[in-house]
Protein backbone atom coordinates (compact mmCIF):
# COMPACT_ATOMS: atom_id res chain seq x y z
CA MET A 1 78.59 94.80 130.33
CA SER A 2 79.67 95.44 126.78
CA VAL A 3 82.94 95.72 125.31
CA ARG A 4 83.77 99.03 123.83
CA ILE A 5 86.77 100.50 121.80
CA ARG A 6 87.97 103.76 122.82
CA LEU A 7 90.70 106.36 123.38
CA THR A 8 92.77 106.47 126.98
CA ARG A 9 94.84 110.00 127.06
CA MET A 10 98.67 109.21 127.55
CA GLY A 11 101.13 111.78 127.08
CA ASN A 12 102.42 114.99 129.27
CA ARG A 13 100.59 118.32 130.24
CA ASN A 14 99.73 120.23 126.57
CA ASN A 15 101.03 116.83 125.14
CA PRO A 16 98.25 114.74 124.22
CA PHE A 17 98.61 111.02 123.00
CA TYR A 18 96.26 109.12 122.88
CA ARG A 19 96.05 105.01 122.68
CA ILE A 20 92.97 102.91 120.95
CA ILE A 21 92.12 100.09 123.57
CA VAL A 22 89.72 97.58 123.85
CA ALA A 23 87.99 97.74 127.33
CA ASN A 24 84.72 96.68 129.45
CA SER A 25 82.62 99.55 129.38
CA ALA A 26 82.74 99.37 133.16
CA ASN A 27 85.94 100.14 133.53
CA ALA A 28 87.40 103.83 134.51
CA ASN A 29 89.21 105.68 131.43
CA LYS A 30 92.55 105.05 133.18
CA GLY A 31 91.17 100.96 133.75
CA LYS A 32 92.81 98.26 133.09
CA ALA A 33 92.45 97.43 128.87
CA ILE A 34 91.95 93.99 127.35
CA GLU A 35 93.73 94.74 124.46
CA PHE A 36 95.95 97.49 122.73
CA LEU A 37 94.77 98.29 119.25
CA GLY A 38 96.87 101.72 118.34
CA THR A 39 97.74 105.27 118.82
CA TYR A 40 96.70 108.40 117.56
CA ASP A 41 98.92 111.62 117.71
CA PRO A 42 96.83 114.61 117.44
CA LYS A 43 99.74 117.20 117.57
CA GLY A 44 101.75 114.86 115.19
CA GLY A 45 99.54 115.83 112.27
CA GLY A 46 96.47 113.81 113.67
CA ARG A 47 98.59 110.59 112.64
CA THR A 48 96.52 107.21 113.67
CA VAL A 49 98.15 103.92 113.51
CA LEU A 50 96.12 100.84 114.08
CA LYS A 51 96.21 97.08 114.23
CA LYS A 52 93.18 96.76 111.42
CA ALA A 53 92.94 92.93 111.29
CA ARG A 54 92.57 93.28 115.42
CA TYR A 55 89.83 96.07 114.99
CA ASP A 56 87.81 94.46 112.23
CA TYR A 57 87.90 90.91 114.75
CA TRP A 58 86.60 93.07 117.57
CA LEU A 59 84.09 94.70 115.67
CA SER A 60 83.01 91.20 114.38
CA VAL A 61 82.41 89.84 117.96
CA GLY A 62 80.09 92.87 118.72
CA ALA A 63 82.69 95.12 120.51
CA ILE A 64 80.93 99.08 120.13
CA PRO A 65 83.33 101.77 118.91
CA SER A 66 83.24 105.15 120.45
CA ASP A 67 82.19 107.90 118.04
CA THR A 68 85.53 109.71 118.35
CA VAL A 69 87.13 106.12 117.87
CA ARG A 70 85.03 105.70 114.90
CA SER A 71 85.59 109.06 112.95
CA LEU A 72 89.19 108.81 113.70
CA ILE A 73 89.64 105.18 111.99
CA ASP A 74 86.75 106.11 109.32
CA ARG A 75 89.39 109.04 108.61
CA ALA A 76 92.56 107.23 108.80
CA ILE A 77 91.06 104.69 106.35
CA GLU A 78 89.88 107.19 103.77
CA HIS A 79 93.04 108.87 104.21
CA ALA A 80 95.06 105.65 103.24
CA THR A 81 93.31 104.79 100.20
CA THR A 82 93.86 107.98 98.57
CA VAL A 83 97.44 108.29 99.47
CA THR A 84 97.94 104.84 98.13
CA LYS A 85 96.06 104.98 95.16
CA PRO A 86 98.34 105.79 92.49
CA SER A 87 97.55 108.57 89.78
CA LYS A 88 97.24 107.53 85.98
CA ALA A 89 100.32 109.03 84.83
CA THR A 90 102.54 106.82 87.24
CA GLU A 91 100.75 103.67 85.98
CA GLU A 92 101.60 104.61 82.48
CA VAL A 93 105.20 105.22 83.34
CA ALA A 94 105.27 102.14 84.98
CA GLU A 95 103.62 100.23 81.54
CA GLU A 96 106.08 101.85 79.56
CA SER A 97 109.21 101.03 81.62
CA ALA A 98 107.98 97.36 81.93
CA VAL A 99 107.52 97.47 78.20
CA GLU A 100 110.91 98.94 78.23
CA GLU A 101 112.46 96.10 80.09
CA THR A 102 110.70 93.00 78.42
CA VAL A 103 111.73 94.50 75.12
CA ALA A 104 115.29 94.76 76.50
CA ALA A 105 115.21 91.10 77.67
CA ALA A 106 114.32 89.64 74.51
CA GLU A 107 117.33 91.24 72.96
């Protein structure tokens, strides 16, 4: 039996909310989970929260993510890198302010 990383549906009718879990592939979708890794909220702008270190651990020991989980996590990682990546103008302003601070400290 293999271990899968998959979604389990939570929430109310017409208000879906999903948990990203690690579970035995033989367990039912609403069955017992080995570990809870994060959440996915499709109504909240598609927000995905993930324990990245634990996700990487489970991949390293052979857990197989479902196609949906794989695409959600790839999209979330891609979005996180584009959001946190500072623009060139922001870097230049930060460098200028650092130079001004060192000049003020030298006087």
